Every structure is written in structure tokens, then in C-alpha cells.
Amino acid sequence: MNRKECIESVKNYKPYNAQEEKDKELILDFLEHKENAFYRTCLEAHMTASAWVVNEDMTKALMAYHKIYDSWSWLGGHADGEEDLLEVAIKEVKEESGIEHVYPYDKEIFSLESLTVDGHEKNGEYVSSHLHLNITYLFIADDSEELHIKEDENSGVSWFLLDEALESSNEAWFKERIYSKLNEKVKMIKERKDERNKL
């Protein structure tokens, strides 16, 4: 996926709620007007990719305890020049959790959001407050596979039941606006799958 295809995928995405409607506009405007949108050198905001990783029967979600945010949270990271955000998300899942066998539920955008990042220290340097303009994909992984932390970023990696994943986060806005939304969407997919399996 290149930049043009990324823009098209965002344009074609149907927002789930008001948050996604507004954030879709913001992300599109940014992609269309900021040449360095995929780089951290764009200091006020830059593109990131996140993964909502669930097990095969869609009852659990994979979370990492991120040191910067001091909270259990989803997996993901900066584009750092890579315009294929699906590939960014896959790479981040593998790096942050140690899981090797992970695959996208499909290649479509699962969610999108504008995320505020407070100023913080990273590798001994101060990073100013900024926005992560984020594209999220849904992934499936084997919940019996061995997990490994990424010592410079997280101090724990674990599977949680969907509702427990929501409650594990210390970030109120994420719990209310993001993780609850992702869980709702996963449960809708699971219900449709279960209905099909009954036929």
C-alpha cells in the first residue's frame, strides 16, 4: 500500500460513530496536505498504526503494559516513513508481543482515531505533546503461543477476556472511546459468525 492507496482506504472507510466521522476528516486532510505525514519529523502530528489482536474465537484480546503510558493497552506504533500501515501494525505486534503467527482478519481498516500524546521522555530526550493520527486493523492470533515483552517499551504482554481488556486500562478516555468501541465491533463480527455457523 502506498500513500495514494492509504488515502483511498480512509476515504472508503464508513465511520462507526461521531468520533470516527470527525477523526476521518482530520486524518484525510492531514494525509492530503502534509508531505511528511508518515514521519515523526512532522512534530505536531504523524501517522501511526494500531492492532486489536483477538484469539480465534474472538473472546480474548492481546494487550501490552506500555511503560510510557503506564497502562495496559493495544499494540502498535509509528509509521516512520512506511506508508503501508497494515504492515506497520503486523510488525509492531510481532515486535511488542513475540507472537509470530498473526494475520489480519481482513485488510480493511477496522477503526480510526486521532489520539493525543502528552509530552514525555523517550530515550533520554523530551518529546513534545502531539497527535497520533491512527489507523487500526483487526488481527487474529493463537492465544497459546508464547509471549515475550519488548523491554524498551513494555513490561508485560497478556491475553484478557474482552471485557477484562477494557477494564485493565488505566486510561479513561481509551476505555470509554476506543477499547469499548473495538470490543463492540468484535462482538458484532462474532455474533454474525456464530449465526452463520448455526445455518
N, C-alpha and C. Protein backbone atom coordinates (compact mmCIF):
# COMPACT_ATOMS: atom_id res chain seq x y z
N MET A 1 0.85 -1.19 0.00
CA MET A 1 0.00 0.00 0.00
C MET A 1 0.88 1.24 0.00
N ASN A 2 0.60 2.17 -0.90
CA ASN A 2 1.33 3.43 -0.91
C ASN A 2 0.42 4.54 -0.36
N ARG A 3 0.94 5.76 -0.37
CA ARG A 3 0.21 6.89 0.21
C ARG A 3 -1.16 7.08 -0.46
N LYS A 4 -1.18 7.01 -1.79
CA LYS A 4 -2.44 7.20 -2.52
C LYS A 4 -3.46 6.13 -2.12
N GLU A 5 -3.01 4.89 -2.01
CA GLU A 5 -3.91 3.80 -1.61
C GLU A 5 -4.37 3.96 -0.17
N CYS A 6 -3.48 4.47 0.67
CA CYS A 6 -3.84 4.73 2.06
C CYS A 6 -4.95 5.77 2.13
N ILE A 7 -4.81 6.85 1.35
CA ILE A 7 -5.83 7.90 1.31
C ILE A 7 -7.16 7.32 0.83
N GLU A 8 -7.11 6.48 -0.19
CA GLU A 8 -8.34 5.88 -0.71
C GLU A 8 -9.00 4.98 0.31
N SER A 9 -8.20 4.23 1.06
CA SER A 9 -8.78 3.33 2.07
C SER A 9 -9.47 4.12 3.17
N VAL A 10 -8.89 5.28 3.53
CA VAL A 10 -9.52 6.14 4.54
C VAL A 10 -10.80 6.74 3.97
N LYS A 11 -10.75 7.21 2.73
CA LYS A 11 -11.94 7.77 2.09
C LYS A 11 -13.08 6.76 2.04
N ASN A 12 -12.77 5.50 1.76
CA ASN A 12 -13.79 4.46 1.61
C ASN A 12 -14.30 3.92 2.94
N TYR A 13 -13.61 4.24 4.02
CA TYR A 13 -14.00 3.72 5.33
C TYR A 13 -15.29 4.37 5.80
N LYS A 14 -16.22 3.55 6.27
CA LYS A 14 -17.50 4.05 6.79
C LYS A 14 -17.39 4.23 8.30
N PRO A 15 -17.43 5.46 8.78
CA PRO A 15 -17.27 5.71 10.22
C PRO A 15 -18.33 4.98 11.05
N TYR A 16 -17.88 4.50 12.20
CA TYR A 16 -18.75 3.75 13.11
C TYR A 16 -19.57 4.66 14.01
N ASN A 17 -19.01 5.85 14.30
CA ASN A 17 -19.68 6.77 15.23
C ASN A 17 -19.20 8.20 14.97
N ALA A 18 -19.64 9.13 15.79
CA ALA A 18 -19.29 10.54 15.60
C ALA A 18 -17.79 10.77 15.75
N GLN A 19 -17.16 10.09 16.69
CA GLN A 19 -15.71 10.22 16.86
C GLN A 19 -14.99 9.88 15.57
N GLU A 20 -15.38 8.78 14.93
CA GLU A 20 -14.71 8.38 13.70
C GLU A 20 -15.04 9.32 12.53
N GLU A 21 -16.24 9.84 12.50
CA GLU A 21 -16.59 10.81 11.44
C GLU A 21 -15.67 12.01 11.49
N LYS A 22 -15.51 12.60 12.67
CA LYS A 22 -14.67 13.79 12.83
C LYS A 22 -13.20 13.47 12.60
N ASP A 23 -12.77 12.34 13.15
CA ASP A 23 -11.35 11.99 13.02
C ASP A 23 -11.00 11.58 11.59
N LYS A 24 -11.94 11.01 10.86
CA LYS A 24 -11.71 10.70 9.45
C LYS A 24 -11.42 11.96 8.66
N GLU A 25 -12.19 13.02 8.91
CA GLU A 25 -11.96 14.30 8.23
C GLU A 25 -10.56 14.83 8.54
N LEU A 26 -10.19 14.77 9.79
CA LEU A 26 -8.89 15.27 10.22
C LEU A 26 -7.76 14.48 9.56
N ILE A 27 -7.86 13.16 9.59
CA ILE A 27 -6.82 12.30 9.02
C ILE A 27 -6.70 12.51 7.52
N LEU A 28 -7.82 12.59 6.82
CA LEU A 28 -7.79 12.80 5.38
C LEU A 28 -7.13 14.13 5.02
N ASP A 29 -7.51 15.18 5.72
CA ASP A 29 -6.94 16.50 5.46
C ASP A 29 -5.43 16.48 5.67
N PHE A 30 -5.02 15.79 6.71
CA PHE A 30 -3.60 15.70 7.05
C PHE A 30 -2.84 14.93 5.97
N LEU A 31 -3.38 13.78 5.56
CA LEU A 31 -2.72 12.96 4.54
C LEU A 31 -2.61 13.70 3.21
N GLU A 32 -3.61 14.49 2.90
CA GLU A 32 -3.64 15.16 1.60
C GLU A 32 -2.78 16.43 1.56
N HIS A 33 -2.41 16.97 2.73
CA HIS A 33 -1.71 18.26 2.73
C HIS A 33 -0.35 18.25 3.43
N LYS A 34 -0.04 17.19 4.15
CA LYS A 34 1.25 17.15 4.86
C LYS A 34 2.18 16.13 4.19
N GLU A 35 3.22 16.66 3.55
CA GLU A 35 4.13 15.78 2.81
C GLU A 35 4.82 14.78 3.72
N ASN A 36 5.14 15.18 4.95
CA ASN A 36 5.85 14.29 5.87
C ASN A 36 4.92 13.66 6.90
N ALA A 37 3.67 13.40 6.51
CA ALA A 37 2.67 12.86 7.43
C ALA A 37 3.07 11.53 8.06
N PHE A 38 3.91 10.75 7.36
CA PHE A 38 4.27 9.41 7.84
C PHE A 38 5.56 9.42 8.66
N TYR A 39 6.06 10.62 8.99
CA TYR A 39 7.33 10.72 9.71
C TYR A 39 7.17 11.48 11.03
N ARG A 40 7.95 11.08 12.02
CA ARG A 40 7.93 11.78 13.31
C ARG A 40 8.48 13.20 13.20
N THR A 41 9.15 13.49 12.10
CA THR A 41 9.64 14.87 11.89
C THR A 41 8.49 15.85 11.73
N CYS A 42 7.29 15.34 11.45
CA CYS A 42 6.09 16.17 11.47
C CYS A 42 5.67 16.25 12.94
N LEU A 43 6.14 17.29 13.61
CA LEU A 43 6.13 17.30 15.07
C LEU A 43 4.74 17.43 15.68
N GLU A 44 3.82 18.13 14.99
CA GLU A 44 2.50 18.35 15.60
C GLU A 44 1.61 17.11 15.51
N ALA A 45 1.87 16.25 14.52
CA ALA A 45 1.06 15.04 14.34
C ALA A 45 1.74 14.16 13.31
N HIS A 46 1.50 12.84 13.40
CA HIS A 46 2.02 11.93 12.39
C HIS A 46 1.21 10.63 12.41
N MET A 47 1.34 9.87 11.33
CA MET A 47 0.54 8.65 11.18
C MET A 47 1.11 7.52 12.04
N THR A 48 0.19 6.78 12.63
CA THR A 48 0.54 5.58 13.39
C THR A 48 -0.44 4.46 13.01
N ALA A 49 -0.07 3.25 13.39
CA ALA A 49 -0.94 2.09 13.14
C ALA A 49 -1.07 1.28 14.42
N SER A 50 -2.29 0.83 14.70
CA SER A 50 -2.54 0.00 15.88
C SER A 50 -3.20 -1.30 15.47
N ALA A 51 -3.07 -2.28 16.38
CA ALA A 51 -3.63 -3.60 16.14
C ALA A 51 -4.52 -3.98 17.32
N TRP A 52 -5.76 -4.38 17.00
CA TRP A 52 -6.60 -5.01 18.02
C TRP A 52 -6.53 -6.49 17.72
N VAL A 53 -5.76 -7.20 18.55
CA VAL A 53 -5.46 -8.61 18.31
C VAL A 53 -6.37 -9.46 19.17
N VAL A 54 -7.13 -10.35 18.54
CA VAL A 54 -8.03 -11.24 19.26
C VAL A 54 -7.67 -12.69 18.92
N ASN A 55 -8.14 -13.60 19.78
CA ASN A 55 -7.89 -15.02 19.52
C ASN A 55 -8.89 -15.56 18.50
N GLU A 56 -8.73 -16.81 18.14
CA GLU A 56 -9.53 -17.40 17.05
C GLU A 56 -11.03 -17.31 17.31
N ASP A 57 -11.46 -17.54 18.54
CA ASP A 57 -12.90 -17.50 18.81
C ASP A 57 -13.39 -16.11 19.26
N MET A 58 -12.49 -15.13 19.16
CA MET A 58 -12.85 -13.74 19.40
C MET A 58 -13.42 -13.49 20.80
N THR A 59 -12.83 -14.15 21.77
CA THR A 59 -13.25 -13.96 23.17
C THR A 59 -12.19 -13.24 23.99
N LYS A 60 -10.96 -13.13 23.46
CA LYS A 60 -9.86 -12.51 24.19
C LYS A 60 -9.16 -11.49 23.30
N ALA A 61 -8.53 -10.51 23.97
CA ALA A 61 -7.72 -9.50 23.28
C ALA A 61 -6.33 -9.49 23.89
N LEU A 62 -5.34 -9.21 23.04
CA LEU A 62 -3.95 -9.18 23.48
C LEU A 62 -3.56 -7.74 23.84
N MET A 63 -2.99 -7.57 25.03
CA MET A 63 -2.60 -6.24 25.50
C MET A 63 -1.15 -6.28 25.97
N ALA A 64 -0.50 -5.11 25.90
CA ALA A 64 0.84 -4.95 26.44
C ALA A 64 0.82 -3.84 27.49
N TYR A 65 1.65 -3.99 28.51
CA TYR A 65 1.74 -2.94 29.52
C TYR A 65 2.84 -1.97 29.10
N HIS A 66 2.41 -0.84 28.52
CA HIS A 66 3.35 0.12 27.96
C HIS A 66 3.93 1.03 29.04
N LYS A 67 5.25 1.15 29.04
CA LYS A 67 5.93 1.91 30.08
C LYS A 67 5.60 3.40 30.00
N ILE A 68 5.56 3.97 28.80
CA ILE A 68 5.31 5.41 28.66
C ILE A 68 3.94 5.78 29.20
N TYR A 69 2.92 4.95 28.87
CA TYR A 69 1.55 5.27 29.26
C TYR A 69 1.18 4.69 30.62
N ASP A 70 2.06 3.82 31.17
CA ASP A 70 1.82 3.20 32.47
C ASP A 70 0.44 2.54 32.50
N SER A 71 0.15 1.76 31.46
CA SER A 71 -1.17 1.15 31.34
C SER A 71 -1.12 -0.03 30.38
N TRP A 72 -2.02 -0.97 30.59
CA TRP A 72 -2.26 -1.99 29.58
C TRP A 72 -2.93 -1.32 28.38
N SER A 73 -2.45 -1.64 27.20
CA SER A 73 -3.02 -1.02 26.01
C SER A 73 -2.80 -1.90 24.78
N TRP A 74 -3.39 -1.48 23.68
CA TRP A 74 -3.26 -2.22 22.42
C TRP A 74 -1.82 -2.14 21.93
N LEU A 75 -1.54 -2.86 20.84
CA LEU A 75 -0.22 -2.87 20.25
C LEU A 75 -0.20 -1.96 19.03
N GLY A 76 0.96 -1.41 18.73
CA GLY A 76 1.05 -0.54 17.56
C GLY A 76 2.22 0.39 17.66
N GLY A 77 2.37 1.24 16.62
CA GLY A 77 3.49 2.16 16.64
C GLY A 77 3.51 3.12 15.47
N HIS A 78 4.60 3.83 15.34
CA HIS A 78 4.76 4.87 14.33
C HIS A 78 4.99 4.27 12.95
N ALA A 79 4.54 5.02 11.94
CA ALA A 79 4.77 4.60 10.56
C ALA A 79 6.25 4.72 10.20
N ASP A 80 6.91 5.78 10.67
CA ASP A 80 8.33 6.03 10.40
C ASP A 80 8.67 5.88 8.92
N GLY A 81 7.84 6.49 8.08
CA GLY A 81 8.09 6.51 6.65
C GLY A 81 7.41 5.41 5.86
N GLU A 82 6.96 4.36 6.54
CA GLU A 82 6.26 3.26 5.87
C GLU A 82 4.81 3.66 5.61
N GLU A 83 4.39 3.63 4.35
CA GLU A 83 3.04 4.05 4.00
C GLU A 83 2.02 2.92 4.05
N ASP A 84 2.49 1.68 4.14
CA ASP A 84 1.60 0.54 4.28
C ASP A 84 1.35 0.31 5.77
N LEU A 85 0.28 0.91 6.28
CA LEU A 85 0.04 0.88 7.73
C LEU A 85 -0.38 -0.50 8.23
N LEU A 86 -0.93 -1.33 7.37
CA LEU A 86 -1.22 -2.71 7.76
C LEU A 86 0.09 -3.44 8.10
N GLU A 87 1.11 -3.23 7.27
CA GLU A 87 2.41 -3.85 7.52
C GLU A 87 3.04 -3.30 8.80
N VAL A 88 2.85 -2.00 9.04
CA VAL A 88 3.36 -1.41 10.28
C VAL A 88 2.73 -2.10 11.48
N ALA A 89 1.42 -2.30 11.43
CA ALA A 89 0.71 -2.92 12.55
C ALA A 89 1.19 -4.35 12.78
N ILE A 90 1.36 -5.12 11.70
CA ILE A 90 1.85 -6.50 11.84
C ILE A 90 3.23 -6.51 12.48
N LYS A 91 4.11 -5.65 11.99
CA LYS A 91 5.48 -5.59 12.53
C LYS A 91 5.47 -5.26 14.02
N GLU A 92 4.62 -4.30 14.39
CA GLU A 92 4.57 -3.89 15.80
C GLU A 92 4.04 -5.01 16.70
N VAL A 93 3.04 -5.75 16.23
CA VAL A 93 2.52 -6.87 17.02
C VAL A 93 3.63 -7.88 17.30
N LYS A 94 4.37 -8.23 16.26
CA LYS A 94 5.43 -9.22 16.41
C LYS A 94 6.53 -8.72 17.34
N GLU A 95 6.91 -7.45 17.18
CA GLU A 95 7.99 -6.90 17.99
C GLU A 95 7.57 -6.75 19.45
N GLU A 96 6.33 -6.32 19.69
CA GLU A 96 5.91 -5.99 21.05
C GLU A 96 5.43 -7.19 21.85
N SER A 97 5.05 -8.27 21.16
CA SER A 97 4.48 -9.42 21.87
C SER A 97 5.27 -10.72 21.70
N GLY A 98 6.13 -10.77 20.68
CA GLY A 98 6.85 -12.01 20.40
C GLY A 98 6.04 -13.00 19.59
N ILE A 99 4.77 -12.70 19.32
CA ILE A 99 3.93 -13.61 18.54
C ILE A 99 4.38 -13.60 17.08
N GLU A 100 4.51 -14.78 16.50
CA GLU A 100 4.91 -14.89 15.09
C GLU A 100 3.72 -15.15 14.19
N HIS A 101 2.76 -15.93 14.68
CA HIS A 101 1.62 -16.33 13.84
C HIS A 101 0.43 -15.42 14.11
N VAL A 102 0.41 -14.32 13.37
CA VAL A 102 -0.67 -13.35 13.48
C VAL A 102 -1.06 -12.95 12.07
N TYR A 103 -2.36 -12.83 11.83
CA TYR A 103 -2.79 -12.47 10.48
C TYR A 103 -4.00 -11.54 10.56
N PRO A 104 -4.16 -10.66 9.57
CA PRO A 104 -5.28 -9.73 9.59
C PRO A 104 -6.61 -10.45 9.37
N TYR A 105 -7.62 -10.06 10.14
CA TYR A 105 -8.97 -10.60 9.92
C TYR A 105 -9.40 -10.31 8.49
N ASP A 106 -9.18 -9.09 8.06
CA ASP A 106 -9.20 -8.72 6.65
C ASP A 106 -8.26 -7.52 6.51
N LYS A 107 -8.09 -7.02 5.32
CA LYS A 107 -7.12 -5.95 5.11
C LYS A 107 -7.75 -4.57 5.16
N GLU A 108 -9.02 -4.52 5.56
CA GLU A 108 -9.73 -3.25 5.65
C GLU A 108 -9.46 -2.56 6.99
N ILE A 109 -9.59 -1.26 7.01
CA ILE A 109 -9.48 -0.50 8.26
C ILE A 109 -10.57 -0.97 9.23
N PHE A 110 -10.17 -1.23 10.47
CA PHE A 110 -11.13 -1.66 11.48
C PHE A 110 -11.64 -0.48 12.31
N SER A 111 -10.79 0.54 12.42
CA SER A 111 -11.11 1.69 13.25
C SER A 111 -10.12 2.80 12.92
N LEU A 112 -10.51 4.04 13.18
CA LEU A 112 -9.55 5.13 13.06
C LEU A 112 -9.81 6.16 14.14
N GLU A 113 -8.76 6.89 14.52
CA GLU A 113 -8.89 7.80 15.63
C GLU A 113 -7.71 8.77 15.67
N SER A 114 -7.98 9.95 16.19
CA SER A 114 -6.95 10.93 16.50
C SER A 114 -6.67 10.83 18.00
N LEU A 115 -5.41 10.57 18.34
CA LEU A 115 -5.04 10.30 19.72
C LEU A 115 -4.06 11.35 20.24
N THR A 116 -4.36 11.89 21.39
CA THR A 116 -3.44 12.89 21.98
C THR A 116 -2.33 12.16 22.74
N VAL A 117 -1.12 12.67 22.58
CA VAL A 117 0.04 12.12 23.27
C VAL A 117 0.68 13.24 24.09
N ASP A 118 0.69 13.08 25.41
CA ASP A 118 1.30 14.09 26.27
C ASP A 118 2.82 14.08 26.09
N GLY A 119 3.43 15.22 26.34
CA GLY A 119 4.88 15.29 26.30
C GLY A 119 5.51 14.28 27.25
N HIS A 120 6.63 13.69 26.82
CA HIS A 120 7.25 12.63 27.62
C HIS A 120 8.73 12.48 27.24
N GLU A 121 9.45 11.74 28.06
CA GLU A 121 10.84 11.42 27.77
C GLU A 121 10.90 10.12 26.97
N LYS A 122 11.72 10.11 25.90
CA LYS A 122 11.93 8.92 25.10
C LYS A 122 13.41 8.81 24.77
N ASN A 123 14.03 7.73 25.23
CA ASN A 123 15.46 7.53 25.02
C ASN A 123 16.29 8.74 25.48
N GLY A 124 15.88 9.29 26.63
CA GLY A 124 16.63 10.38 27.22
C GLY A 124 16.35 11.75 26.64
N GLU A 125 15.43 11.84 25.67
CA GLU A 125 15.10 13.12 25.06
C GLU A 125 13.63 13.44 25.29
N TYR A 126 13.32 14.74 25.40
CA TYR A 126 11.94 15.16 25.60
C TYR A 126 11.21 15.21 24.26
N VAL A 127 10.01 14.62 24.23
CA VAL A 127 9.14 14.63 23.05
C VAL A 127 7.94 15.50 23.38
N SER A 128 7.71 16.55 22.59
CA SER A 128 6.59 17.46 22.85
C SER A 128 5.25 16.79 22.62
N SER A 129 4.22 17.31 23.28
CA SER A 129 2.87 16.80 23.07
C SER A 129 2.50 16.91 21.60
N HIS A 130 1.76 15.91 21.11
CA HIS A 130 1.40 15.88 19.69
C HIS A 130 0.23 14.93 19.49
N LEU A 131 -0.19 14.76 18.24
CA LEU A 131 -1.27 13.84 17.89
C LEU A 131 -0.72 12.62 17.16
N HIS A 132 -1.31 11.47 17.45
CA HIS A 132 -1.14 10.28 16.62
C HIS A 132 -2.41 10.13 15.79
N LEU A 133 -2.27 10.25 14.48
CA LEU A 133 -3.40 10.02 13.58
C LEU A 133 -3.34 8.56 13.20
N ASN A 134 -4.26 7.80 13.77
CA ASN A 134 -4.09 6.36 13.90
C ASN A 134 -5.09 5.56 13.07
N ILE A 135 -4.56 4.54 12.40
CA ILE A 135 -5.38 3.56 11.69
C ILE A 135 -5.25 2.23 12.42
N THR A 136 -6.38 1.61 12.74
CA THR A 136 -6.39 0.35 13.47
C THR A 136 -6.88 -0.79 12.58
N TYR A 137 -6.22 -1.94 12.72
CA TYR A 137 -6.62 -3.15 11.99
C TYR A 137 -6.93 -4.25 13.00
N LEU A 138 -7.81 -5.15 12.61
CA LEU A 138 -8.17 -6.30 13.44
C LEU A 138 -7.32 -7.49 13.03
N PHE A 139 -6.73 -8.15 14.03
CA PHE A 139 -5.87 -9.30 13.78
C PHE A 139 -6.33 -10.51 14.59
N ILE A 140 -6.00 -11.68 14.06
CA ILE A 140 -6.26 -12.95 14.74
C ILE A 140 -4.91 -13.58 15.08
N ALA A 141 -4.79 -14.10 16.29
CA ALA A 141 -3.55 -14.78 16.70
C ALA A 141 -3.90 -15.96 17.60
N ASP A 142 -2.94 -16.84 17.77
CA ASP A 142 -3.09 -18.04 18.59
C ASP A 142 -2.79 -17.68 20.04
N ASP A 143 -3.79 -17.79 20.90
CA ASP A 143 -3.59 -17.39 22.30
C ASP A 143 -2.79 -18.40 23.12
N SER A 144 -2.34 -19.50 22.48
CA SER A 144 -1.47 -20.45 23.18
C SER A 144 0.00 -20.22 22.85
N GLU A 145 0.28 -19.33 21.91
CA GLU A 145 1.66 -19.07 21.52
C GLU A 145 2.38 -18.32 22.64
N GLU A 146 3.66 -18.61 22.80
CA GLU A 146 4.45 -17.99 23.86
C GLU A 146 4.60 -16.49 23.60
N LEU A 147 4.50 -15.70 24.67
CA LEU A 147 4.61 -14.25 24.58
C LEU A 147 5.95 -13.77 25.13
N HIS A 148 6.44 -12.66 24.59
CA HIS A 148 7.69 -12.06 25.06
C HIS A 148 7.52 -10.55 25.11
N ILE A 149 8.05 -9.94 26.15
CA ILE A 149 7.99 -8.48 26.25
C ILE A 149 9.05 -7.85 25.34
N LYS A 150 8.86 -6.57 25.03
CA LYS A 150 9.87 -5.76 24.34
C LYS A 150 10.39 -4.79 25.39
N GLU A 151 11.55 -5.09 25.96
CA GLU A 151 11.99 -4.47 27.20
C GLU A 151 12.07 -2.95 27.14
N ASP A 152 12.36 -2.39 25.97
CA ASP A 152 12.47 -0.94 25.92
C ASP A 152 11.12 -0.23 25.83
N GLU A 153 10.03 -1.01 25.66
CA GLU A 153 8.71 -0.40 25.50
C GLU A 153 7.68 -0.90 26.49
N ASN A 154 7.69 -2.21 26.80
CA ASN A 154 6.64 -2.72 27.69
C ASN A 154 7.22 -3.63 28.76
N SER A 155 6.43 -3.81 29.80
CA SER A 155 6.87 -4.66 30.91
C SER A 155 5.97 -5.87 31.09
N GLY A 156 5.01 -6.05 30.19
CA GLY A 156 4.12 -7.20 30.25
C GLY A 156 3.33 -7.35 28.98
N VAL A 157 3.01 -8.59 28.64
CA VAL A 157 2.14 -8.89 27.50
C VAL A 157 1.22 -10.01 27.94
N SER A 158 -0.09 -9.86 27.71
CA SER A 158 -1.03 -10.86 28.21
C SER A 158 -2.34 -10.83 27.43
N TRP A 159 -3.01 -11.98 27.42
CA TRP A 159 -4.35 -12.07 26.87
C TRP A 159 -5.37 -11.77 27.97
N PHE A 160 -6.42 -11.05 27.61
CA PHE A 160 -7.52 -10.74 28.53
C PHE A 160 -8.83 -11.08 27.84
N LEU A 161 -9.81 -11.56 28.61
CA LEU A 161 -11.16 -11.60 28.08
C LEU A 161 -11.54 -10.19 27.65
N LEU A 162 -12.40 -10.08 26.63
CA LEU A 162 -12.66 -8.77 26.05
C LEU A 162 -13.03 -7.71 27.09
N ASP A 163 -13.95 -8.04 27.98
CA ASP A 163 -14.35 -7.06 28.99
C ASP A 163 -13.23 -6.77 29.98
N GLU A 164 -12.41 -7.78 30.27
CA GLU A 164 -11.27 -7.58 31.16
C GLU A 164 -10.22 -6.68 30.50
N ALA A 165 -10.06 -6.82 29.19
CA ALA A 165 -9.12 -5.96 28.46
C ALA A 165 -9.50 -4.50 28.62
N LEU A 166 -10.79 -4.25 28.52
CA LEU A 166 -11.30 -2.88 28.70
C LEU A 166 -10.97 -2.37 30.10
N GLU A 167 -11.24 -3.19 31.09
CA GLU A 167 -11.06 -2.77 32.49
C GLU A 167 -9.58 -2.69 32.89
N SER A 168 -8.71 -3.38 32.15
CA SER A 168 -7.29 -3.40 32.52
C SER A 168 -6.61 -2.06 32.26
N SER A 169 -7.18 -1.24 31.37
CA SER A 169 -6.56 0.02 31.01
C SER A 169 -6.72 1.07 32.12
N ASN A 170 -5.66 1.85 32.34
CA ASN A 170 -5.71 2.96 33.29
C ASN A 170 -6.12 4.27 32.62
N GLU A 171 -6.33 4.24 31.30
CA GLU A 171 -6.59 5.45 30.54
C GLU A 171 -8.09 5.57 30.27
N ALA A 172 -8.73 6.46 31.01
CA ALA A 172 -10.20 6.56 30.98
C ALA A 172 -10.73 6.85 29.57
N TRP A 173 -10.08 7.76 28.85
CA TRP A 173 -10.57 8.11 27.52
C TRP A 173 -10.48 6.92 26.58
N PHE A 174 -9.40 6.16 26.65
CA PHE A 174 -9.27 4.98 25.81
C PHE A 174 -10.34 3.94 26.14
N LYS A 175 -10.58 3.76 27.43
CA LYS A 175 -11.60 2.79 27.84
C LYS A 175 -12.97 3.17 27.29
N GLU A 176 -13.29 4.46 27.42
CA GLU A 176 -14.63 4.92 27.04
C GLU A 176 -14.81 5.02 25.53
N ARG A 177 -13.78 5.52 24.83
CA ARG A 177 -13.92 5.89 23.43
C ARG A 177 -13.34 4.87 22.44
N ILE A 178 -12.30 4.15 22.87
CA ILE A 178 -11.59 3.31 21.91
C ILE A 178 -11.80 1.82 22.19
N TYR A 179 -11.33 1.35 23.34
CA TYR A 179 -11.40 -0.10 23.58
C TYR A 179 -12.83 -0.61 23.64
N SER A 180 -13.74 0.18 24.20
CA SER A 180 -15.15 -0.24 24.23
C SER A 180 -15.70 -0.34 22.82
N LYS A 181 -15.32 0.59 21.95
CA LYS A 181 -15.76 0.58 20.55
C LYS A 181 -15.21 -0.65 19.84
N LEU A 182 -13.92 -0.93 20.03
CA LEU A 182 -13.31 -2.08 19.37
C LEU A 182 -13.97 -3.38 19.81
N ASN A 183 -14.24 -3.47 21.12
CA ASN A 183 -14.92 -4.67 21.62
C ASN A 183 -16.33 -4.82 21.04
N GLU A 184 -17.06 -3.71 20.94
CA GLU A 184 -18.40 -3.76 20.34
C GLU A 184 -18.32 -4.31 18.91
N LYS A 185 -17.37 -3.83 18.16
CA LYS A 185 -17.24 -4.26 16.76
C LYS A 185 -16.84 -5.73 16.66
N VAL A 186 -15.94 -6.17 17.55
CA VAL A 186 -15.54 -7.58 17.57
C VAL A 186 -16.74 -8.46 17.91
N LYS A 187 -17.51 -8.05 18.91
CA LYS A 187 -18.68 -8.85 19.31
C LYS A 187 -19.72 -8.93 18.20
N MET A 188 -19.86 -7.87 17.42
CA MET A 188 -20.78 -7.90 16.28
C MET A 188 -20.30 -8.90 15.23
N ILE A 189 -19.02 -8.92 14.95
CA ILE A 189 -18.46 -9.89 13.99
C ILE A 189 -18.67 -11.30 14.50
N LYS A 190 -18.39 -11.51 15.81
CA LYS A 190 -18.54 -12.85 16.40
C LYS A 190 -19.99 -13.32 16.32
N GLU A 191 -20.92 -12.43 16.60
CA GLU A 191 -22.34 -12.79 16.52
C GLU A 191 -22.73 -13.21 15.11
N ARG A 192 -22.25 -12.48 14.12
CA ARG A 192 -22.54 -12.83 12.73
C ARG A 192 -21.94 -14.19 12.38
N LYS A 193 -20.72 -14.44 12.83
CA LYS A 193 -20.07 -15.73 12.57
C LYS A 193 -20.84 -16.86 13.23
N ASP A 194 -21.25 -16.64 14.48
CA ASP A 194 -21.99 -17.68 15.21
C ASP A 194 -23.32 -17.98 14.52
N GLU A 195 -23.97 -16.94 14.02
CA GLU A 195 -25.23 -17.15 13.30
C GLU A 195 -25.04 -17.95 12.04
N ARG A 196 -23.98 -17.63 11.30
CA ARG A 196 -23.68 -18.39 10.07
C ARG A 196 -23.39 -19.85 10.37
N ASN A 197 -22.69 -20.09 11.48
CA ASN A 197 -22.32 -21.46 11.84
C ASN A 197 -23.54 -22.29 12.24
N LYS A 198 -24.61 -21.62 12.65
CA LYS A 198 -25.84 -22.34 13.03
C LYS A 198 -26.63 -22.81 11.81
N LEU A 199 -26.40 -22.16 10.70
CA LEU A 199 -27.19 -22.47 9.48
C LEU A 199 -26.79 -23.82 8.87
